N, C-alpha and C. Protein backbone atom coordinates (compact mmCIF):
# COMPACT_ATOMS: atom_id res chain seq x y z
N MET A 1 -0.45 -6.48 13.27
CA MET A 1 -0.51 -5.97 11.92
C MET A 1 0.74 -5.11 11.66
N LYS A 2 1.28 -5.29 10.47
CA LYS A 2 2.45 -4.50 10.08
C LYS A 2 2.06 -3.60 8.92
N GLU A 3 2.39 -2.32 9.04
CA GLU A 3 2.08 -1.35 8.00
C GLU A 3 3.21 -1.35 6.97
N THR A 4 2.85 -1.52 5.70
CA THR A 4 3.82 -1.46 4.61
C THR A 4 3.31 -0.49 3.55
N TYR A 5 4.20 -0.10 2.67
CA TYR A 5 3.84 0.86 1.63
C TYR A 5 4.22 0.35 0.25
N GLU A 6 3.37 0.66 -0.70
CA GLU A 6 3.67 0.45 -2.11
C GLU A 6 3.87 1.84 -2.72
N HIS A 7 4.78 1.95 -3.66
CA HIS A 7 5.02 3.23 -4.33
C HIS A 7 4.90 3.04 -5.83
N ASP A 8 4.42 4.09 -6.49
CA ASP A 8 4.28 4.06 -7.95
C ASP A 8 4.39 5.50 -8.45
N TYR A 9 4.48 5.66 -9.74
CA TYR A 9 4.49 7.00 -10.32
C TYR A 9 3.68 6.99 -11.61
N VAL A 10 3.21 8.19 -11.97
CA VAL A 10 2.43 8.37 -13.19
C VAL A 10 2.98 9.61 -13.88
N VAL A 11 3.13 9.55 -15.21
CA VAL A 11 3.61 10.70 -15.98
C VAL A 11 2.44 11.27 -16.77
N TYR A 12 2.27 12.58 -16.68
CA TYR A 12 1.20 13.29 -17.39
C TYR A 12 1.80 14.33 -18.33
N LYS A 13 1.11 14.60 -19.43
CA LYS A 13 1.46 15.71 -20.31
C LYS A 13 0.78 16.95 -19.75
N THR A 14 1.52 18.03 -19.61
CA THR A 14 0.91 19.26 -19.09
C THR A 14 -0.14 19.79 -20.06
N SER A 15 -0.01 19.44 -21.32
CA SER A 15 -0.98 19.91 -22.32
C SER A 15 -2.35 19.25 -22.15
N ASP A 16 -2.42 18.13 -21.38
CA ASP A 16 -3.71 17.49 -21.12
C ASP A 16 -4.58 18.33 -20.20
N GLY A 17 -3.96 19.18 -19.41
CA GLY A 17 -4.71 20.08 -18.54
C GLY A 17 -5.05 19.47 -17.20
N PRO A 18 -5.45 20.32 -16.26
CA PRO A 18 -5.70 19.86 -14.89
C PRO A 18 -6.89 18.92 -14.75
N LYS A 19 -7.90 19.06 -15.60
CA LYS A 19 -9.08 18.19 -15.47
C LYS A 19 -8.70 16.73 -15.66
N VAL A 20 -7.94 16.42 -16.68
CA VAL A 20 -7.51 15.04 -16.96
C VAL A 20 -6.64 14.51 -15.82
N ILE A 21 -5.73 15.35 -15.34
CA ILE A 21 -4.85 14.94 -14.25
C ILE A 21 -5.65 14.69 -12.98
N ASN A 22 -6.56 15.59 -12.65
CA ASN A 22 -7.40 15.41 -11.45
C ASN A 22 -8.24 14.15 -11.54
N GLU A 23 -8.84 13.89 -12.68
CA GLU A 23 -9.66 12.68 -12.84
C GLU A 23 -8.81 11.43 -12.66
N SER A 24 -7.61 11.44 -13.20
CA SER A 24 -6.72 10.29 -13.06
C SER A 24 -6.33 10.09 -11.60
N LEU A 25 -5.94 11.18 -10.93
CA LEU A 25 -5.54 11.07 -9.52
C LEU A 25 -6.71 10.64 -8.65
N ASN A 26 -7.91 11.09 -8.96
CA ASN A 26 -9.09 10.66 -8.20
C ASN A 26 -9.34 9.17 -8.39
N THR A 27 -9.11 8.67 -9.60
CA THR A 27 -9.26 7.24 -9.85
C THR A 27 -8.26 6.44 -9.03
N TYR A 28 -7.01 6.90 -9.01
CA TYR A 28 -6.01 6.24 -8.17
C TYR A 28 -6.40 6.32 -6.69
N GLY A 29 -6.93 7.46 -6.28
CA GLY A 29 -7.35 7.64 -4.89
C GLY A 29 -8.43 6.67 -4.47
N LYS A 30 -9.35 6.37 -5.37
CA LYS A 30 -10.41 5.40 -5.06
C LYS A 30 -9.84 4.01 -4.83
N ASP A 31 -8.67 3.74 -5.40
CA ASP A 31 -8.01 2.44 -5.22
C ASP A 31 -7.05 2.46 -4.03
N GLY A 32 -7.06 3.56 -3.26
CA GLY A 32 -6.24 3.63 -2.06
C GLY A 32 -4.90 4.33 -2.21
N TRP A 33 -4.62 4.86 -3.38
CA TRP A 33 -3.35 5.55 -3.61
C TRP A 33 -3.47 7.01 -3.19
N GLY A 34 -2.40 7.56 -2.65
CA GLY A 34 -2.36 8.98 -2.29
C GLY A 34 -1.17 9.65 -2.95
N LEU A 35 -1.37 10.89 -3.34
CA LEU A 35 -0.30 11.67 -3.98
C LEU A 35 0.68 12.13 -2.91
N VAL A 36 1.97 11.86 -3.12
CA VAL A 36 2.98 12.29 -2.15
C VAL A 36 3.94 13.32 -2.71
N GLY A 37 3.96 13.49 -4.02
CA GLY A 37 4.83 14.49 -4.62
C GLY A 37 4.61 14.60 -6.11
N MET A 38 5.01 15.77 -6.64
CA MET A 38 4.86 15.99 -8.08
C MET A 38 5.96 16.95 -8.54
N ILE A 39 6.59 16.63 -9.68
CA ILE A 39 7.61 17.51 -10.26
C ILE A 39 7.37 17.64 -11.76
N THR A 40 7.93 18.69 -12.35
CA THR A 40 7.88 18.84 -13.80
C THR A 40 9.19 18.32 -14.38
N VAL A 41 9.09 17.72 -15.56
CA VAL A 41 10.28 17.23 -16.27
C VAL A 41 10.12 17.56 -17.75
N GLY A 42 11.18 17.39 -18.49
CA GLY A 42 11.12 17.61 -19.94
C GLY A 42 10.84 19.06 -20.29
N GLY A 43 11.48 19.97 -19.57
CA GLY A 43 11.27 21.39 -19.87
C GLY A 43 9.87 21.86 -19.51
N GLY A 44 9.22 21.18 -18.60
CA GLY A 44 7.88 21.57 -18.18
C GLY A 44 6.77 20.96 -19.01
N GLU A 45 7.13 20.07 -19.94
CA GLU A 45 6.11 19.44 -20.80
C GLU A 45 5.41 18.28 -20.11
N HIS A 46 6.01 17.73 -19.07
CA HIS A 46 5.43 16.59 -18.37
C HIS A 46 5.45 16.80 -16.86
N LEU A 47 4.50 16.18 -16.20
CA LEU A 47 4.44 16.14 -14.75
C LEU A 47 4.59 14.69 -14.31
N VAL A 48 5.40 14.47 -13.29
CA VAL A 48 5.53 13.14 -12.72
C VAL A 48 4.92 13.19 -11.32
N ALA A 49 3.95 12.33 -11.09
CA ALA A 49 3.28 12.25 -9.79
C ALA A 49 3.70 10.97 -9.09
N TRP A 50 4.17 11.09 -7.84
CA TRP A 50 4.52 9.93 -7.04
C TRP A 50 3.35 9.59 -6.13
N LEU A 51 3.02 8.30 -6.11
CA LEU A 51 1.87 7.83 -5.35
C LEU A 51 2.32 6.80 -4.31
N ARG A 52 1.56 6.75 -3.21
CA ARG A 52 1.85 5.77 -2.16
C ARG A 52 0.54 5.15 -1.69
N LYS A 53 0.60 3.84 -1.45
CA LYS A 53 -0.56 3.10 -0.97
C LYS A 53 -0.14 2.34 0.29
N THR A 54 -0.90 2.53 1.36
CA THR A 54 -0.61 1.85 2.61
C THR A 54 -1.34 0.52 2.64
N THR A 55 -0.62 -0.54 3.00
CA THR A 55 -1.24 -1.85 3.14
C THR A 55 -0.86 -2.40 4.52
N TYR A 56 -1.68 -3.30 5.00
CA TYR A 56 -1.45 -3.91 6.31
C TYR A 56 -1.37 -5.42 6.14
N LYS A 57 -0.37 -6.00 6.78
CA LYS A 57 -0.19 -7.45 6.71
C LYS A 57 -0.21 -8.01 8.11
N ASP A 58 -0.83 -9.18 8.24
CA ASP A 58 -0.80 -9.88 9.52
C ASP A 58 0.59 -10.47 9.72
N VAL A 59 1.16 -10.19 10.85
CA VAL A 59 2.48 -10.72 11.19
C VAL A 59 2.28 -11.76 12.28
N PRO A 60 2.66 -13.00 12.01
CA PRO A 60 2.47 -14.04 13.03
C PRO A 60 3.31 -13.77 14.27
N ASP A 61 2.74 -14.10 15.41
CA ASP A 61 3.43 -13.97 16.69
C ASP A 61 4.17 -15.28 16.94
N PRO A 62 5.51 -15.27 16.91
CA PRO A 62 6.27 -16.53 17.07
C PRO A 62 5.99 -17.23 18.40
N LYS A 63 5.78 -16.47 19.45
CA LYS A 63 5.52 -17.07 20.77
C LYS A 63 4.18 -17.81 20.76
N LYS A 64 3.14 -17.21 20.20
CA LYS A 64 1.83 -17.86 20.13
C LYS A 64 1.87 -19.08 19.21
N ALA A 65 2.63 -18.97 18.10
CA ALA A 65 2.75 -20.10 17.18
C ALA A 65 3.41 -21.29 17.88
N GLU A 66 4.43 -21.03 18.67
CA GLU A 66 5.12 -22.10 19.40
C GLU A 66 4.20 -22.72 20.45
N GLN A 67 3.44 -21.87 21.16
CA GLN A 67 2.51 -22.38 22.16
C GLN A 67 1.43 -23.24 21.52
N SER A 68 0.94 -22.81 20.36
CA SER A 68 -0.08 -23.58 19.65
C SER A 68 0.48 -24.93 19.20
N LYS A 69 1.72 -24.91 18.72
CA LYS A 69 2.37 -26.15 18.27
C LYS A 69 2.50 -27.14 19.43
N ILE A 70 2.94 -26.64 20.56
CA ILE A 70 3.10 -27.50 21.74
C ILE A 70 1.75 -28.02 22.21
N ALA A 71 0.75 -27.17 22.21
CA ALA A 71 -0.59 -27.58 22.65
C ALA A 71 -1.13 -28.69 21.74
N LYS A 72 -0.89 -28.57 20.44
CA LYS A 72 -1.36 -29.61 19.51
C LYS A 72 -0.62 -30.92 19.73
N LEU A 73 0.67 -30.84 20.02
CA LEU A 73 1.46 -32.05 20.27
C LEU A 73 0.99 -32.79 21.51
N TRP A 74 0.52 -32.06 22.51
CA TRP A 74 0.14 -32.66 23.78
C TRP A 74 -1.38 -32.78 23.92
N GLY A 75 -2.12 -32.58 22.82
CA GLY A 75 -3.54 -32.85 22.80
C GLY A 75 -4.42 -31.77 23.42
N ALA A 76 -3.89 -30.60 23.65
CA ALA A 76 -4.69 -29.51 24.20
C ALA A 76 -4.92 -28.44 23.15
N ALA A 77 -5.24 -28.88 21.93
CA ALA A 77 -5.41 -27.95 20.82
C ALA A 77 -6.60 -27.03 21.00
N ASP A 78 -7.63 -27.47 21.70
CA ASP A 78 -8.82 -26.64 21.90
C ASP A 78 -8.77 -25.85 23.19
N GLY A 79 -7.64 -25.86 23.86
CA GLY A 79 -7.52 -25.16 25.14
C GLY A 79 -7.90 -26.05 26.30
N ASP A 80 -8.33 -27.32 26.04
CA ASP A 80 -8.68 -28.25 27.11
C ASP A 80 -7.41 -28.86 27.68
N GLU A 81 -7.40 -29.05 28.97
CA GLU A 81 -6.22 -29.66 29.58
C GLU A 81 -6.56 -31.02 30.10
């Protein structure tokens, strides 16, 4: 398994208040996103939140793939010799 990351960002108005921001971040959290950073922009009128989501991908083993290919060519696909 190979660990990979997705990144995204969300912009909030500071005038919306912490309750709206917390609810939004909790919704993202339920989908697997985690907050990694937050800054203010626009003279403090907006907050930008950076999010990261960890995903795992199966990475094929080239050696096993080659062995399987050879086994199929020589009729030992089920491990029978």
